[in-house]
PDB file of N, CA and C in Angstrom:
ATOM      1  N   MET A   1    -149.079 -35.975  53.675  1.00  0.00           N
ATOM      2  CA  MET A   1    -147.988 -35.075  53.315  1.00  0.00           C
ATOM      3  C   MET A   1    -146.751 -35.413  54.146  1.00  0.00           C
ATOM      4  N   ASP A   2    -145.649 -35.474  53.489  1.00  0.00           N
ATOM      5  CA  ASP A   2    -144.420 -35.731  54.225  1.00  0.00           C
ATOM      6  C   ASP A   2    -143.755 -34.400  54.598  1.00  0.00           C
ATOM      7  N   ASN A   3    -142.600 -34.521  55.238  1.00  0.00           N
ATOM      8  CA  ASN A   3    -141.918 -33.316  55.730  1.00  0.00           C
ATOM      9  C   ASN A   3    -141.475 -32.389  54.601  1.00  0.00           C
ATOM     10  N   THR A   4    -141.146 -32.966  53.447  1.00  0.00           N
ATOM     11  CA  THR A   4    -140.700 -32.135  52.329  1.00  0.00           C
ATOM     12  C   THR A   4    -141.802 -31.193  51.883  1.00  0.00           C
ATOM     13  N   HIS A   5    -142.998 -31.717  51.739  1.00  0.00           N
ATOM     14  CA  HIS A   5    -144.109 -30.871  51.321  1.00  0.00           C
ATOM     15  C   HIS A   5    -144.454 -29.824  52.385  1.00  0.00           C
ATOM     16  N   LEU A   6    -144.381 -30.215  53.639  1.00  0.00           N
ATOM     17  CA  LEU A   6    -144.669 -29.258  54.710  1.00  0.00           C
ATOM     18  C   LEU A   6    -143.637 -28.135  54.747  1.00  0.00           C
ATOM     19  N   LEU A   7    -142.364 -28.485  54.573  1.00  0.00           N
ATOM     20  CA  LEU A   7    -141.327 -27.456  54.579  1.00  0.00           C
ATOM     21  C   LEU A   7    -141.423 -26.543  53.368  1.00  0.00           C
ATOM     22  N   LEU A   8    -141.767 -27.105  52.216  1.00  0.00           N
ATOM     23  CA  LEU A   8    -141.951 -26.266  51.033  1.00  0.00           C
ATOM     24  C   LEU A   8    -143.169 -25.358  51.174  1.00  0.00           C
ATOM     25  N   ALA A   9    -144.225 -25.864  51.803  1.00  0.00           N
ATOM     26  CA  ALA A   9    -145.393 -25.030  52.060  1.00  0.00           C
ATOM     27  C   ALA A   9    -145.045 -23.906  53.039  1.00  0.00           C
ATOM     28  N   LEU A  10    -144.237 -24.234  54.048  1.00  0.00           N
ATOM     29  CA  LEU A  10    -143.805 -23.210  55.001  1.00  0.00           C
ATOM     30  C   LEU A  10    -142.937 -22.161  54.326  1.00  0.00           C
ATOM     31  N   SER A  11    -142.038 -22.591  53.444  1.00  0.00           N
ATOM     32  CA  SER A  11    -141.185 -21.612  52.757  1.00  0.00           C
ATOM     33  C   SER A  11    -142.012 -20.730  51.831  1.00  0.00           C
ATOM     34  N   GLY A  12    -142.994 -21.302  51.163  1.00  0.00           N
ATOM     35  CA  GLY A  12    -143.882 -20.490  50.327  1.00  0.00           C
ATOM     36  C   GLY A  12    -144.699 -19.511  51.150  1.00  0.00           C
ATOM     37  N   THR A  13    -145.145 -19.953  52.310  1.00  0.00           N
ATOM     38  CA  THR A  13    -145.906 -19.079  53.201  1.00  0.00           C
ATOM     39  C   THR A  13    -145.042 -17.933  53.708  1.00  0.00           C
ATOM     40  N   LEU A  14    -143.793 -18.236  54.088  1.00  0.00           N
ATOM     41  CA  LEU A  14    -142.882 -17.179  54.540  1.00  0.00           C
ATOM     42  C   LEU A  14    -142.632 -16.159  53.437  1.00  0.00           C
ATOM     43  N   PHE A  15    -142.399 -16.651  52.228  1.00  0.00           N
ATOM     44  CA  PHE A  15    -142.156 -15.739  51.119  1.00  0.00           C
ATOM     45  C   PHE A  15    -143.376 -14.878  50.825  1.00  0.00           C
ATOM     46  N   THR A  16    -144.554 -15.504  50.822  1.00  0.00           N
ATOM     47  CA  THR A  16    -145.790 -14.760  50.541  1.00  0.00           C
ATOM     48  C   THR A  16    -146.071 -13.727  51.620  1.00  0.00           C
ATOM     49  N   LEU A  17    -145.869 -14.107  52.868  1.00  0.00           N
ATOM     50  CA  LEU A  17    -146.072 -13.165  53.968  1.00  0.00           C
ATOM     51  C   LEU A  17    -145.109 -11.990  53.856  1.00  0.00           C
ATOM     52  N   GLY A  18    -143.864 -12.272  53.500  1.00  0.00           N
ATOM     53  CA  GLY A  18    -142.893 -11.199  53.314  1.00  0.00           C
ATOM     54  C   GLY A  18    -143.249 -10.296  52.162  1.00  0.00           C
ATOM     55  N   LEU A  19    -143.714 -10.881  51.059  1.00  0.00           N
ATOM     56  CA  LEU A  19    -144.100 -10.079  49.892  1.00  0.00           C
ATOM     57  C   LEU A  19    -145.290  -9.175  50.203  1.00  0.00           C
ATOM     58  N   VAL A  20    -146.279  -9.715  50.894  1.00  0.00           N
ATOM     59  CA  VAL A  20    -147.439  -8.907  51.284  1.00  0.00           C
ATOM     60  C   VAL A  20    -147.011  -7.791  52.233  1.00  0.00           C
ATOM     61  N   GLY A  21    -146.110  -8.100  53.148  1.00  0.00           N
ATOM     62  CA  GLY A  21    -145.632  -7.092  54.086  1.00  0.00           C
ATOM     63  C   GLY A  21    -144.880  -5.969  53.405  1.00  0.00           C
ATOM     64  N   VAL A  22    -144.074  -6.295  52.399  1.00  0.00           N
ATOM     65  CA  VAL A  22    -143.333  -5.258  51.682  1.00  0.00           C
ATOM     66  C   VAL A  22    -144.284  -4.370  50.885  1.00  0.00           C
ATOM     67  N   VAL A  23    -145.299  -4.976  50.285  1.00  0.00           N
ATOM     68  CA  VAL A  23    -146.230  -4.198  49.468  1.00  0.00           C
ATOM     69  C   VAL A  23    -147.142  -3.333  50.332  1.00  0.00           C
ATOM     70  N   VAL A  24    -147.574  -3.850  51.467  1.00  0.00           N
ATOM     71  CA  VAL A  24    -148.580  -3.162  52.282  1.00  0.00           C
ATOM     72  C   VAL A  24    -147.978  -2.106  53.206  1.00  0.00           C
ATOM     73  N   ARG A  25    -146.861  -2.402  53.840  1.00  0.00           N
ATOM     74  CA  ARG A  25    -146.322  -1.498  54.860  1.00  0.00           C
ATOM     75  C   ARG A  25    -145.631  -0.296  54.244  1.00  0.00           C
ATOM     76  N   ARG A  26    -145.651   0.827  54.948  1.00  0.00           N
ATOM     77  CA  ARG A  26    -145.002   2.053  54.489  1.00  0.00           C
ATOM     78  C   ARG A  26    -143.963   2.517  55.511  1.00  0.00           C
ATOM     79  N   ASN A  27    -143.234   1.589  56.073  1.00  0.00           N
ATOM     80  CA  ASN A  27    -142.205   1.883  57.048  1.00  0.00           C
ATOM     81  C   ASN A  27    -140.931   1.191  56.565  1.00  0.00           C
ATOM     82  N   LEU A  28    -139.858   1.944  56.370  1.00  0.00           N
ATOM     83  CA  LEU A  28    -138.650   1.377  55.781  1.00  0.00           C
ATOM     84  C   LEU A  28    -138.054   0.248  56.613  1.00  0.00           C
ATOM     85  N   LEU A  29    -138.043   0.390  57.918  1.00  0.00           N
ATOM     86  CA  LEU A  29    -137.461  -0.636  58.777  1.00  0.00           C
ATOM     87  C   LEU A  29    -138.280  -1.922  58.724  1.00  0.00           C
ATOM     88  N   VAL A  30    -139.594  -1.803  58.732  1.00  0.00           N
ATOM     89  CA  VAL A  30    -140.463  -2.979  58.660  1.00  0.00           C
ATOM     90  C   VAL A  30    -140.360  -3.620  57.277  1.00  0.00           C
ATOM     91  N   MET A  31    -140.236  -2.805  56.239  1.00  0.00           N
ATOM     92  CA  MET A  31    -140.061  -3.341  54.896  1.00  0.00           C
ATOM     93  C   MET A  31    -138.761  -4.128  54.794  1.00  0.00           C
ATOM     94  N   LEU A  32    -137.712  -3.653  55.440  1.00  0.00           N
ATOM     95  CA  LEU A  32    -136.433  -4.367  55.445  1.00  0.00           C
ATOM     96  C   LEU A  32    -136.567  -5.708  56.164  1.00  0.00           C
ATOM     97  N   MET A  33    -137.328  -5.730  57.248  1.00  0.00           N
ATOM     98  CA  MET A  33    -137.543  -6.995  57.961  1.00  0.00           C
ATOM     99  C   MET A  33    -138.353  -7.976  57.117  1.00  0.00           C
ATOM    100  N   PHE A  34    -139.346  -7.479  56.386  1.00  0.00           N
ATOM    101  CA  PHE A  34    -140.125  -8.357  55.521  1.00  0.00           C
ATOM    102  C   PHE A  34    -139.291  -8.874  54.349  1.00  0.00           C
ATOM    103  N   LEU A  35    -138.354  -8.071  53.856  1.00  0.00           N
ATOM    104  CA  LEU A  35    -137.447  -8.554  52.818  1.00  0.00           C
ATOM    105  C   LEU A  35    -136.591  -9.697  53.341  1.00  0.00           C
ATOM    106  N   GLU A  36    -136.145  -9.597  54.574  1.00  0.00           N
ATOM    107  CA  GLU A  36    -135.374 -10.686  55.175  1.00  0.00           C
ATOM    108  C   GLU A  36    -136.238 -11.930  55.370  1.00  0.00           C
ATOM    109  N   LEU A  37    -137.508 -11.740  55.669  1.00  0.00           N
ATOM    110  CA  LEU A  37    -138.422 -12.875  55.785  1.00  0.00           C
ATOM    111  C   LEU A  37    -138.576 -13.573  54.438  1.00  0.00           C
ATOM    112  N   MET A  38    -138.651 -12.794  53.370  1.00  0.00           N
ATOM    113  CA  MET A  38    -138.710 -13.374  52.027  1.00  0.00           C
ATOM    114  C   MET A  38    -137.439 -14.158  51.723  1.00  0.00           C
ATOM    115  N   LEU A  39    -136.301 -13.615  52.094  1.00  0.00           N
ATOM    116  CA  LEU A  39    -135.032 -14.302  51.869  1.00  0.00           C
ATOM    117  C   LEU A  39    -134.969 -15.604  52.658  1.00  0.00           C
ATOM    118  N   ASN A  40    -135.477 -15.600  53.872  1.00  0.00           N
ATOM    119  CA  ASN A  40    -135.485 -16.830  54.667  1.00  0.00           C
ATOM    120  C   ASN A  40    -136.400 -17.886  54.064  1.00  0.00           C
ATOM    121  N   GLY A  41    -137.520 -17.473  53.472  1.00  0.00           N
ATOM    122  CA  GLY A  41    -138.383 -18.428  52.785  1.00  0.00           C
ATOM    123  C   GLY A  41    -137.683 -19.080  51.610  1.00  0.00           C
ATOM    124  N   VAL A  42    -136.960 -18.279  50.839  1.00  0.00           N
ATOM    125  CA  VAL A  42    -136.214 -18.822  49.698  1.00  0.00           C
ATOM    126  C   VAL A  42    -135.105 -19.744  50.176  1.00  0.00           C
ATOM    127  N   LEU A  43    -134.411 -19.359  51.230  1.00  0.00           N
ATOM    128  CA  LEU A  43    -133.330 -20.205  51.742  1.00  0.00           C
ATOM    129  C   LEU A  43    -133.858 -21.510  52.327  1.00  0.00           C
ATOM    130  N   LEU A  44    -135.040 -21.484  52.915  1.00  0.00           N
ATOM    131  CA  LEU A  44    -135.632 -22.723  53.410  1.00  0.00           C
ATOM    132  C   LEU A  44    -135.948 -23.670  52.267  1.00  0.00           C
ATOM    133  N   SER A  45    -136.484 -23.158  51.186  1.00  0.00           N
ATOM    134  CA  SER A  45    -136.756 -24.019  50.036  1.00  0.00           C
ATOM    135  C   SER A  45    -135.454 -24.528  49.419  1.00  0.00           C
ATOM    136  N   LEU A  46    -134.418 -23.696  49.401  1.00  0.00           N
ATOM    137  CA  LEU A  46    -133.122 -24.149  48.913  1.00  0.00           C
ATOM    138  C   LEU A  46    -132.557 -25.254  49.804  1.00  0.00           C
ATOM    139  N   ALA A  47    -132.738 -25.124  51.103  1.00  0.00           N
ATOM    140  CA  ALA A  47    -132.268 -26.173  52.015  1.00  0.00           C
ATOM    141  C   ALA A  47    -133.022 -27.476  51.807  1.00  0.00           C
ATOM    142  N   VAL A  48    -134.326 -27.381  51.556  1.00  0.00           N
ATOM    143  CA  VAL A  48    -135.123 -28.588  51.321  1.00  0.00           C
ATOM    144  C   VAL A  48    -134.667 -29.288  50.043  1.00  0.00           C
ATOM    145  N   PHE A  49    -134.471 -28.518  48.978  1.00  0.00           N
ATOM    146  CA  PHE A  49    -134.047 -29.133  47.726  1.00  0.00           C
ATOM    147  C   PHE A  49    -132.609 -29.642  47.798  1.00  0.00           C
ATOM    148  N   THR A  50    -131.766 -28.973  48.574  1.00  0.00           N
ATOM    149  CA  THR A  50    -130.403 -29.461  48.762  1.00  0.00           C
ATOM    150  C   THR A  50    -130.412 -30.796  49.488  1.00  0.00           C
ATOM    151  N   GLN A  51    -131.228 -30.922  50.505  1.00  0.00           N
ATOM    152  CA  GLN A  51    -131.346 -32.191  51.237  1.00  0.00           C
ATOM    153  C   GLN A  51    -131.963 -33.274  50.362  1.00  0.00           C
ATOM    154  N   LEU A  52    -132.958 -32.901  49.579  1.00  0.00           N
ATOM    155  CA  LEU A  52    -133.654 -33.860  48.733  1.00  0.00           C
ATOM    156  C   LEU A  52    -132.738 -34.408  47.637  1.00  0.00           C
ATOM    157  N   LEU A  53    -131.945 -33.545  47.043  1.00  0.00           N
ATOM    158  CA  LEU A  53    -131.073 -33.952  45.943  1.00  0.00           C
ATOM    159  C   LEU A  53    -129.669 -34.346  46.395  1.00  0.00           C
ATOM    160  N   ALA A  54    -129.362 -34.185  47.670  1.00  0.00           N
ATOM    161  CA  ALA A  54    -128.047 -34.495  48.241  1.00  0.00           C
ATOM    162  C   ALA A  54    -126.941 -33.772  47.482  1.00  0.00           C
ATOM    163  N   ALA A  55    -127.141 -32.493  47.251  1.00  0.00           N
ATOM    164  CA  ALA A  55    -126.171 -31.690  46.508  1.00  0.00           C
ATOM    165  C   ALA A  55    -125.381 -30.816  47.477  1.00  0.00           C
ATOM    166  N   GLU A  56    -124.081 -30.952  47.421  1.00  0.00           N
ATOM    167  CA  GLU A  56    -123.233 -30.146  48.299  1.00  0.00           C
ATOM    168  C   GLU A  56    -123.158 -28.699  47.837  1.00  0.00           C
ATOM    169  N   ALA A  57    -123.354 -28.476  46.553  1.00  0.00           N
ATOM    170  CA  ALA A  57    -123.290 -27.108  46.029  1.00  0.00           C
ATOM    171  C   ALA A  57    -124.390 -26.234  46.621  1.00  0.00           C
ATOM    172  N   GLY A  58    -125.541 -26.812  46.928  1.00  0.00           N
ATOM    173  CA  GLY A  58    -126.620 -26.053  47.544  1.00  0.00           C
ATOM    174  C   GLY A  58    -126.258 -25.576  48.937  1.00  0.00           C
ATOM    175  N   ALA A  59    -125.540 -26.408  49.686  1.00  0.00           N
ATOM    176  CA  ALA A  59    -125.111 -26.013  51.029  1.00  0.00           C
ATOM    177  C   ALA A  59    -124.095 -24.880  50.959  1.00  0.00           C
ATOM    178  N   VAL A  60    -123.219 -24.941  49.988  1.00  0.00           N
ATOM    179  CA  VAL A  60    -122.238 -23.867  49.810  1.00  0.00           C
ATOM    180  C   VAL A  60    -122.946 -22.580  49.398  1.00  0.00           C
ATOM    181  N   LEU A  61    -123.927 -22.685  48.519  1.00  0.00           N
ATOM    182  CA  LEU A  61    -124.692 -21.515  48.092  1.00  0.00           C
ATOM    183  C   LEU A  61    -125.446 -20.902  49.270  1.00  0.00           C
ATOM    184  N   MET A  62    -126.011 -21.741  50.124  1.00  0.00           N
ATOM    185  CA  MET A  62    -126.721 -21.228  51.303  1.00  0.00           C
ATOM    186  C   MET A  62    -125.768 -20.481  52.232  1.00  0.00           C
ATOM    187  N   LEU A  63    -124.579 -21.012  52.435  1.00  0.00           N
ATOM    188  CA  LEU A  63    -123.591 -20.340  53.274  1.00  0.00           C
ATOM    189  C   LEU A  63    -123.207 -18.991  52.679  1.00  0.00           C
ATOM    190  N   LEU A  64    -123.039 -18.945  51.365  1.00  0.00           N
ATOM    191  CA  LEU A  64    -122.700 -17.699  50.699  1.00  0.00           C
ATOM    192  C   LEU A  64    -123.833 -16.681  50.822  1.00  0.00           C
ATOM    193  N   VAL A  65    -125.075 -17.116  50.651  1.00  0.00           N
ATOM    194  CA  VAL A  65    -126.214 -16.203  50.741  1.00  0.00           C
ATOM    195  C   VAL A  65    -126.383 -15.690  52.167  1.00  0.00           C
ATOM    196  N   PHE A  66    -126.198 -16.558  53.166  1.00  0.00           N
ATOM    197  CA  PHE A  66    -126.273 -16.103  54.555  1.00  0.00           C
ATOM    198  C   PHE A  66    -125.201 -15.052  54.851  1.00  0.00           C
ATOM    199  N   THR A  67    -124.008 -15.248  54.318  1.00  0.00           N
ATOM    200  CA  THR A  67    -122.928 -14.291  54.541  1.00  0.00           C
ATOM    201  C   THR A  67    -123.241 -12.949  53.891  1.00  0.00           C
ATOM    202  N   VAL A  68    -123.717 -12.983  52.665  1.00  0.00           N
ATOM    203  CA  VAL A  68    -124.058 -11.743  51.966  1.00  0.00           C
ATOM    204  C   VAL A  68    -125.240 -11.048  52.648  1.00  0.00           C
ATOM    205  N   ALA A  69    -126.223 -11.820  53.126  1.00  0.00           N
ATOM    206  CA  ALA A  69    -127.377 -11.222  53.810  1.00  0.00           C
ATOM    207  C   ALA A  69    -126.962 -10.558  55.117  1.00  0.00           C
ATOM    208  N   ALA A  70    -126.037 -11.167  55.835  1.00  0.00           N
ATOM    209  CA  ALA A  70    -125.558 -10.561  57.079  1.00  0.00           C
ATOM    210  C   ALA A  70    -124.812  -9.257  56.795  1.00  0.00           C
ATOM    211  N   ALA A  71    -124.005  -9.252  55.744  1.00  0.00           N
ATOM    212  CA  ALA A  71    -123.293  -8.027  55.374  1.00  0.00           C
ATOM    213  C   ALA A  71    -124.269  -6.961  54.898  1.00  0.00           C
ATOM    214  N   GLU A  72    -125.302  -7.377  54.176  1.00  0.00           N
ATOM    215  CA  GLU A  72    -126.297  -6.427  53.686  1.00  0.00           C
ATOM    216  C   GLU A  72    -127.039  -5.756  54.845  1.00  0.00           C
ATOM    217  N   ILE A  73    -127.406  -6.526  55.830  1.00  0.00           N
ATOM    218  CA  ILE A  73    -128.084  -5.956  56.995  1.00  0.00           C
ATOM    219  C   ILE A  73    -127.140  -5.063  57.788  1.00  0.00           C
ATOM    220  N   ALA A  74    -125.884  -5.458  57.889  1.00  0.00           N
ATOM    221  CA  ALA A  74    -124.914  -4.649  58.628  1.00  0.00           C
ATOM    222  C   ALA A  74    -124.678  -3.308  57.952  1.00  0.00           C
ATOM    223  N   ILE A  75    -124.895  -3.231  56.650  1.00  0.00           N
ATOM    224  CA  ILE A  75    -124.716  -1.975  55.930  1.00  0.00           C
ATOM    225  C   ILE A  75    -126.041  -1.214  55.811  1.00  0.00           C
ATOM    226  N   ALA A  76    -127.151  -1.938  55.582  1.00  0.00           N
ATOM    227  CA  ALA A  76    -128.436  -1.286  55.313  1.00  0.00           C
ATOM    228  C   ALA A  76    -129.018  -0.601  56.551  1.00  0.00           C
ATOM    229  N   VAL A  77    -128.894  -1.201  57.707  1.00  0.00           N
ATOM    230  CA  VAL A  77    -129.496  -0.613  58.908  1.00  0.00           C
ATOM    231  C   VAL A  77    -128.830   0.719  59.286  1.00  0.00           C
ATOM    232  N   PRO A  78    -127.501   0.822  59.299  1.00  0.00           N
ATOM    233  CA  PRO A  78    -126.931   2.157  59.587  1.00  0.00           C
ATOM    234  C   PRO A  78    -127.277   3.212  58.535  1.00  0.00           C
ATOM    235  N   ILE A  79    -127.340   2.818  57.244  1.00  0.00           N
ATOM    236  CA  ILE A  79    -127.747   3.781  56.216  1.00  0.00           C
ATOM    237  C   ILE A  79    -129.182   4.231  56.460  1.00  0.00           C
ATOM    238  N   LEU A  80    -130.036   3.290  56.804  1.00  0.00           N
ATOM    239  CA  LEU A  80    -131.431   3.614  57.091  1.00  0.00           C
ATOM    240  C   LEU A  80    -131.541   4.537  58.298  1.00  0.00           C
ATOM    241  N   LEU A  81    -130.753   4.292  59.322  1.00  0.00           N
ATOM    242  CA  LEU A  81    -130.784   5.154  60.501  1.00  0.00           C
ATOM    243  C   LEU A  81    -130.288   6.563  60.183  1.00  0.00           C
ATOM    244  N   LEU A  82    -129.284   6.675  59.324  1.00  0.00           N
ATOM    245  CA  LEU A  82    -128.820   8.002  58.909  1.00  0.00           C
ATOM    246  C   LEU A  82    -129.888   8.737  58.104  1.00  0.00           C
ATOM    247  N   LEU A  83    -130.592   8.012  57.235  1.00  0.00           N
ATOM    248  CA  LEU A  83    -131.675   8.633  56.473  1.00  0.00           C
ATOM    249  C   LEU A  83    -132.793   9.114  57.383  1.00  0.00           C
ATOM    250  N   VAL A  84    -133.125   8.320  58.371  1.00  0.00           N
ATOM    251  CA  VAL A  84    -134.186   8.701  59.306  1.00  0.00           C
ATOM    252  C   VAL A  84    -133.759   9.907  60.126  1.00  0.00           C
ATOM    253  N   ARG A  85    -132.501   9.929  60.519  1.00  0.00           N
ATOM    254  CA  ARG A  85    -132.013  11.057  61.299  1.00  0.00           C
ATOM    255  C   ARG A  85    -132.038  12.356  60.481  1.00  0.00           C
ATOM    256  N   ALA A  86    -131.753  12.232  59.191  1.00  0.00           N
ATOM    257  CA  ALA A  86    -131.748  13.424  58.336  1.00  0.00           C
ATOM    258  C   ALA A  86    -133.156  13.833  57.912  1.00  0.00           C
ATOM    259  N   GLY A  87    -134.025  12.858  57.647  1.00  0.00           N
ATOM    260  CA  GLY A  87    -135.352  13.189  57.136  1.00  0.00           C
ATOM    261  C   GLY A  87    -136.451  13.148  58.162  1.00  0.00           C
ATOM    262  N   HIS A  88    -136.190  12.617  59.334  1.00  0.00           N
ATOM    263  CA  HIS A  88    -137.155  12.527  60.434  1.00  0.00           C
ATOM    264  C   HIS A  88    -138.414  11.744  60.077  1.00  0.00           C
ATOM    265  N   THR A  89    -138.297  10.770  59.168  1.00  0.00           N
ATOM    266  CA  THR A  89    -139.443   9.931  58.828  1.00  0.00           C
ATOM    267  C   THR A  89    -138.957   8.593  58.292  1.00  0.00           C
ATOM    268  N   LEU A  90    -139.803   7.572  58.452  1.00  0.00           N
ATOM    269  CA  LEU A  90    -139.521   6.249  57.910  1.00  0.00           C
ATOM    270  C   LEU A  90    -140.333   5.960  56.654  1.00  0.00           C
ATOM    271  N   ASP A  91    -141.048   6.951  56.134  1.00  0.00           N
ATOM    272  CA  ASP A  91    -141.869   6.773  54.948  1.00  0.00           C
ATOM    273  C   ASP A  91    -140.972   6.761  53.705  1.00  0.00           C
ATOM    274  N   PRO A  92    -141.046   5.716  52.891  1.00  0.00           N
ATOM    275  CA  PRO A  92    -140.167   5.664  51.709  1.00  0.00           C
ATOM    276  C   PRO A  92    -140.510   6.734  50.660  1.00  0.00           C
ATOM    277  N   GLY A  93    -141.713   7.266  50.664  1.00  0.00           N
ATOM    278  CA  GLY A  93    -142.073   8.309  49.722  1.00  0.00           C
ATOM    279  C   GLY A  93    -141.386   9.640  49.988  1.00  0.00           C
ATOM    280  N   ALA A  94    -140.904   9.820  51.205  1.00  0.00           N
ATOM    281  CA  ALA A  94    -140.246  11.079  51.570  1.00  0.00           C
ATOM    282  C   ALA A  94    -138.842  11.175  50.990  1.00  0.00           C
ATOM    283  N   TYR A  95    -138.304  10.063  50.511  1.00  0.00           N
ATOM    284  CA  TYR A  95    -136.942  10.056  50.005  1.00  0.00           C
ATOM    285  C   TYR A  95    -136.905   9.985  48.480  1.00  0.00           C
ATOM    286  N   GLY A  96    -137.915  10.516  47.826  1.00  0.00           N
ATOM    287  CA  GLY A  96    -137.962  10.516  46.369  1.00  0.00           C
ATOM    288  C   GLY A  96    -136.906  11.402  45.736  1.00  0.00           C
ATOM    289  N   GLY A  97    -136.406  12.370  46.468  1.00  0.00           N
ATOM    290  CA  GLY A  97    -135.379  13.266  45.948  1.00  0.00           C
ATOM    291  C   GLY A  97    -134.000  12.641  45.891  1.00  0.00           C
ATOM    292  N   LEU A  98    -133.840  11.423  46.403  1.00  0.00           N
ATOM    293  CA  LEU A  98    -132.538  10.757  46.399  1.00  0.00           C
ATOM    294  C   LEU A  98    -132.275   9.997  45.104  1.00  0.00           C
ATOM    295  N   LYS A  99    -133.187  10.064  44.162  1.00  0.00           N
ATOM    296  CA  LYS A  99    -133.003   9.350  42.905  1.00  0.00           C
ATOM    297  C   LYS A  99    -131.830   9.944  42.150  1.00  0.00           C
ATOM    298  N   GLY A 100    -131.037   9.047  41.528  1.00  0.00           N
ATOM    299  CA  GLY A 100    -129.836   9.483  40.823  1.00  0.00           C
ATOM    300  C   GLY A 100    -130.141   9.926  39.511  1.00  0.00           C
TER     301      GLY A 100
END
């Protein structure tokens, strides 16, 4: 196996671990961290394919996704902290009344 296959296997493992973590855990903060792990797995595979195909558009897409992910975390964590402060729990089932 060369490095490409190893990196793709690692990205698949990261994504799978993140998916299992989101499904199994019942803590909003931990679920958010597992979602970021899934995103990192996808970005690793995108980086591998960008290097393999020598496509500059993939590098630009990765930069854009990293920027959006950083903004998402900067917004999601304070919202999550406000929800926890108001509801006194990190269980996502406790916030069923917030449905629009």
